Amino acid sequence: MIYCVEDDNNIRELIIYTLNNTGFNASGFSGGYDLFKAINHKRPELILLDIMLPDENGVEILKTLRKNPDTKNIPVIMLTAKSNEYDKVIALDNGADDYVTKPFGMMELISRIKAVLRRANENTSYEVINYEGITIDERKHTVLLNNERVELTVKEFELLLTLVKSANIVMTRDMLLESIWGYSFDGETRTVDVHIRSLRKKLGTFGDYIETVHGIGYKLGKKDEK
């Protein structure tokens, strides 16, 4: 089941019609109240969430979803007319799995949905990873630095996890975009740079493990290996 939260009746009905005719089951809502009421009855596989809503901003709804243990892992794709990079980063930093800018084609939306669901289904095995004082618990979605917890956004967590799992391997910006966001933002690799800066700051001295490979991307390695 896919839930679509969109206050424009025409857009919502078109999305629901397309989903129901391409192998999905879908229901639509005009705002957050009806969404949460439906979630209490049936948990969806994925949520399509507009940002500009009359009763509550979509990002605030997203934050509420991510704070609740019962809904924090539901994949969410944001739908919005906003297209600048700042809005994308805000949505992604608060846990969105993807971001589709209006106007969009229905086949593009279906492709994005399938990609997000595929990644969600692949992430069914979890482990606790230790690297030079950094402990990452995939199931609990927590990071400890020398046993002290640090709070990361969803994308910062995924970025650190990807770098740790690929320790000492140079990851290009495009590779990180593909691995974490599922596709390239048409060359907008600054999204990665913004998240790297934020991640380094939150990691403190552990942020020194993340090395910039100029003109290519980033790699994570021990301090004595640099």
Protein backbone atom coordinates (compact mmCIF):
# COMPACT_ATOMS: atom_id res chain seq x y z
CA MET A 1 0.00 0.00 0.00
CA ILE A 2 1.25 3.47 -0.95
CA TYR A 3 -0.17 6.61 0.65
CA CYS A 4 -0.14 9.91 -1.26
CA VAL A 5 -0.55 13.17 0.67
CA GLU A 6 -1.35 15.95 -1.80
CA ASP A 7 -3.85 18.80 -1.39
CA ASP A 8 -4.33 19.32 -5.13
CA ASN A 9 -7.23 17.00 -5.97
CA ASN A 10 -6.32 16.66 -9.64
CA ILE A 11 -2.69 15.74 -8.97
CA ARG A 12 -3.64 13.37 -6.15
CA GLU A 13 -6.27 11.58 -8.24
CA LEU A 14 -3.86 11.23 -11.18
CA ILE A 15 -1.17 9.73 -8.95
CA ILE A 16 -3.59 7.30 -7.29
CA TYR A 17 -5.06 6.28 -10.66
CA THR A 18 -1.60 5.67 -12.13
CA LEU A 19 -0.39 3.68 -9.12
CA ASN A 20 -3.49 1.50 -9.02
CA ASN A 21 -3.05 0.74 -12.72
CA THR A 22 0.66 -0.10 -12.55
CA GLY A 23 0.60 -2.89 -10.00
CA PHE A 24 0.40 -0.90 -6.76
CA ASN A 25 -2.36 -0.33 -4.23
CA ALA A 26 -2.70 3.33 -3.32
CA SER A 27 -4.82 5.70 -1.26
CA GLY A 28 -4.76 9.49 -1.20
CA PHE A 29 -5.17 12.14 1.49
CA SER A 30 -5.31 15.92 1.45
CA GLY A 31 -3.39 16.47 4.68
CA GLY A 32 -1.47 15.09 7.62
CA TYR A 33 -4.44 14.40 9.88
CA ASP A 34 -5.98 11.89 7.49
CA LEU A 35 -2.56 10.37 6.80
CA PHE A 36 -1.86 9.57 10.44
CA LYS A 37 -5.39 8.30 10.92
CA ALA A 38 -4.84 5.89 8.02
CA ILE A 39 -1.41 4.82 9.31
CA ASN A 40 -2.99 3.84 12.62
CA HIS A 41 -5.23 1.50 10.66
CA LYS A 42 -2.71 0.19 8.10
CA ARG A 43 1.02 0.84 7.79
CA PRO A 44 2.00 1.69 4.18
CA GLU A 45 5.04 0.47 2.24
CA LEU A 46 5.83 4.02 1.11
CA ILE A 47 4.49 7.57 1.46
CA LEU A 48 4.40 10.25 -1.23
CA LEU A 49 4.35 13.54 0.68
CA ASP A 50 3.79 17.04 -0.68
CA ILE A 51 5.65 19.83 1.13
CA MET A 52 3.13 22.65 0.62
CA LEU A 53 0.03 21.50 2.50
CA PRO A 54 -2.77 23.64 3.98
CA ASP A 55 -2.86 22.18 7.49
CA GLU A 56 0.78 21.29 8.15
CA ASN A 57 4.05 21.64 6.28
CA GLY A 58 5.15 18.35 4.71
CA VAL A 59 8.58 18.58 6.31
CA GLU A 60 6.94 18.79 9.75
CA ILE A 61 4.88 15.70 8.92
CA LEU A 62 8.11 13.98 7.84
CA LYS A 63 9.78 14.89 11.16
CA THR A 64 6.82 13.41 13.05
CA LEU A 65 7.06 10.19 11.04
CA ARG A 66 10.78 9.87 11.71
CA LYS A 67 10.42 10.47 15.46
CA ASN A 68 7.88 7.66 15.88
CA PRO A 69 9.46 4.18 16.21
CA ASP A 70 6.46 2.67 14.39
CA THR A 71 6.82 4.91 11.32
CA LYS A 72 10.47 6.03 11.24
CA ASN A 73 11.49 3.41 8.68
CA ILE A 74 8.64 3.97 6.20
CA PRO A 75 10.19 5.23 2.93
CA VAL A 76 9.08 8.76 2.06
CA ILE A 77 9.33 10.56 -1.28
CA MET A 78 8.71 14.30 -1.14
CA LEU A 79 6.59 15.92 -3.88
CA THR A 80 6.92 19.67 -4.25
CA ALA A 81 7.07 22.61 -6.62
CA LYS A 82 10.19 23.85 -4.86
CA SER A 83 13.31 23.05 -6.85
CA ASN A 84 16.35 24.76 -5.33
CA GLU A 85 19.08 22.75 -3.66
CA TYR A 86 18.43 24.16 -0.18
CA ASP A 87 14.88 22.78 -0.14
CA LYS A 88 16.17 19.40 -1.29
CA VAL A 89 18.79 19.29 1.46
CA ILE A 90 16.23 20.27 4.14
CA ALA A 91 13.88 17.48 3.07
CA LEU A 92 16.63 14.88 2.75
CA ASP A 93 18.28 15.89 6.02
CA ASN A 94 14.99 15.28 7.80
CA GLY A 95 14.77 11.75 6.50
CA ALA A 96 13.23 11.88 3.03
CA ASP A 97 14.33 8.99 0.83
CA ASP A 98 13.88 10.89 -2.41
CA TYR A 99 12.67 14.23 -3.75
CA VAL A 100 10.60 14.75 -6.92
CA THR A 101 10.03 18.26 -8.25
CA LYS A 102 6.75 19.25 -9.90
CA PRO A 103 5.88 19.00 -12.71
CA PHE A 104 6.97 15.39 -13.07
CA GLY A 105 6.01 12.57 -15.38
CA MET A 106 4.05 9.64 -13.99
CA MET A 107 6.54 7.12 -15.36
CA GLU A 108 9.40 8.98 -13.69
CA LEU A 109 7.49 8.87 -10.39
CA ILE A 110 6.85 5.13 -10.77
CA SER A 111 10.56 4.59 -11.47
CA ARG A 112 11.52 6.56 -8.35
CA ILE A 113 9.03 4.59 -6.23
CA LYS A 114 10.41 1.27 -7.47
CA ALA A 115 13.99 2.40 -6.77
CA VAL A 116 13.17 3.49 -3.21
CA LEU A 117 11.23 0.29 -2.48
CA ARG A 118 14.07 -1.79 -3.90
CA ARG A 119 16.61 -0.10 -1.63
CA ALA A 120 14.28 -0.49 1.36
CA ASN A 121 13.88 -4.21 0.69
CA GLU A 122 17.64 -4.64 0.30
CA ASN A 123 18.26 -3.15 3.74
CA THR A 124 16.77 -6.09 5.62
CA SER A 125 19.99 -7.35 7.23
CA TYR A 126 21.58 -5.32 10.00
CA GLU A 127 24.89 -5.38 11.82
CA VAL A 128 26.94 -3.46 14.35
CA ILE A 129 30.09 -2.03 12.76
CA ASN A 130 33.13 -0.81 14.67
CA TYR A 131 35.80 1.38 13.12
CA GLU A 132 38.51 3.20 15.08
CA GLY A 133 36.23 4.23 17.95
CA ILE A 134 33.17 4.68 15.76
CA THR A 135 30.35 2.21 16.46
CA ILE A 136 27.42 2.07 14.05
CA ASP A 137 24.31 0.05 14.89
CA GLU A 138 22.32 -0.35 11.68
CA ARG A 139 19.18 -1.71 13.34
CA LYS A 140 18.99 0.98 16.03
CA HIS A 141 20.25 3.64 13.63
CA THR A 142 22.70 4.92 16.24
CA VAL A 143 26.31 6.10 16.16
CA LEU A 144 28.67 6.07 19.12
CA LEU A 145 32.02 7.88 19.24
CA ASN A 146 34.12 6.21 21.94
CA ASN A 147 30.81 5.08 23.49
CA GLU A 148 29.34 8.61 23.40
CA ARG A 149 26.22 8.91 21.26
CA VAL A 150 26.12 11.48 18.46
CA GLU A 151 22.87 12.53 16.78
CA LEU A 152 22.92 12.37 12.98
CA THR A 153 20.24 12.98 10.38
CA VAL A 154 19.12 10.01 8.29
CA LYS A 155 21.30 11.00 5.33
CA GLU A 156 24.31 11.79 7.52
CA PHE A 157 23.95 8.33 9.07
CA GLU A 158 23.74 6.66 5.66
CA LEU A 159 26.71 8.69 4.41
CA LEU A 160 28.87 7.68 7.37
CA LEU A 161 27.76 4.06 7.06
CA THR A 162 28.65 4.01 3.36
CA LEU A 163 32.08 5.51 3.99
CA VAL A 164 32.83 3.11 6.85
CA LYS A 165 31.75 0.09 4.81
CA SER A 166 34.04 1.33 2.01
CA ALA A 167 36.94 2.32 4.28
CA ASN A 168 40.14 3.22 2.38
CA ILE A 169 38.27 3.19 -0.94
CA VAL A 170 37.76 6.48 -2.76
CA MET A 171 34.05 7.15 -3.32
CA THR A 172 33.22 9.66 -6.04
CA ARG A 173 30.45 12.14 -5.41
CA ASP A 174 28.33 10.43 -8.07
CA MET A 175 28.87 7.06 -6.38
CA LEU A 176 27.72 8.51 -3.05
CA LEU A 177 24.67 10.12 -4.66
CA GLU A 178 23.74 6.82 -6.29
CA SER A 179 24.37 4.78 -3.14
CA ILE A 180 22.56 7.03 -0.67
CA TRP A 181 19.96 8.92 -2.70
CA GLY A 182 19.48 6.29 -5.39
CA TYR A 183 20.22 8.48 -8.39
CA SER A 184 22.21 11.52 -9.50
CA PHE A 185 20.67 14.97 -9.02
CA ASP A 186 21.68 15.97 -12.56
CA GLY A 187 25.21 16.78 -11.49
CA GLU A 188 24.24 18.56 -8.26
CA THR A 189 27.09 16.92 -6.37
CA ARG A 190 27.22 19.85 -3.94
CA THR A 191 24.54 17.96 -2.03
CA VAL A 192 27.24 15.49 -1.00
CA ASP A 193 29.65 18.27 -0.03
CA VAL A 194 27.02 19.91 2.17
CA HIS A 195 26.36 16.64 3.99
CA ILE A 196 30.09 15.88 4.36
CA ARG A 197 30.69 19.27 6.00
CA SER A 198 27.80 18.74 8.40
CA LEU A 199 28.91 15.17 9.17
CA ARG A 200 32.51 16.20 9.86
CA LYS A 201 31.33 18.90 12.25
CA LYS A 202 29.16 16.49 14.22
CA LEU A 203 31.90 13.84 14.36
CA GLY A 204 34.38 16.29 15.88
CA THR A 205 37.92 14.87 15.85
CA PHE A 206 36.56 11.70 14.24
CA GLY A 207 35.66 13.85 11.26
CA ASP A 208 39.37 13.90 10.42
CA TYR A 209 38.96 10.31 9.21
CA ILE A 210 37.01 11.63 6.20
CA GLU A 211 39.53 12.68 3.59
CA THR A 212 38.73 14.88 0.60
CA VAL A 213 40.20 13.47 -2.60
CA HIS A 214 40.34 16.65 -4.65
CA GLY A 215 38.49 16.56 -7.94
CA ILE A 216 37.12 13.07 -7.22
CA GLY A 217 35.26 12.60 -3.92
CA TYR A 218 35.93 11.27 -0.44
CA LYS A 219 37.37 8.32 1.41
CA LEU A 220 37.48 7.26 5.03
CA GLY A 221 40.77 6.12 6.48
CA LYS A 222 42.80 5.98 9.67
CA LYS A 223 44.60 9.15 10.62
CA ASP A 224 48.02 7.49 10.32
CA GLU A 225 47.21 6.40 6.76
CA LYS A 226 46.88 9.92 5.45
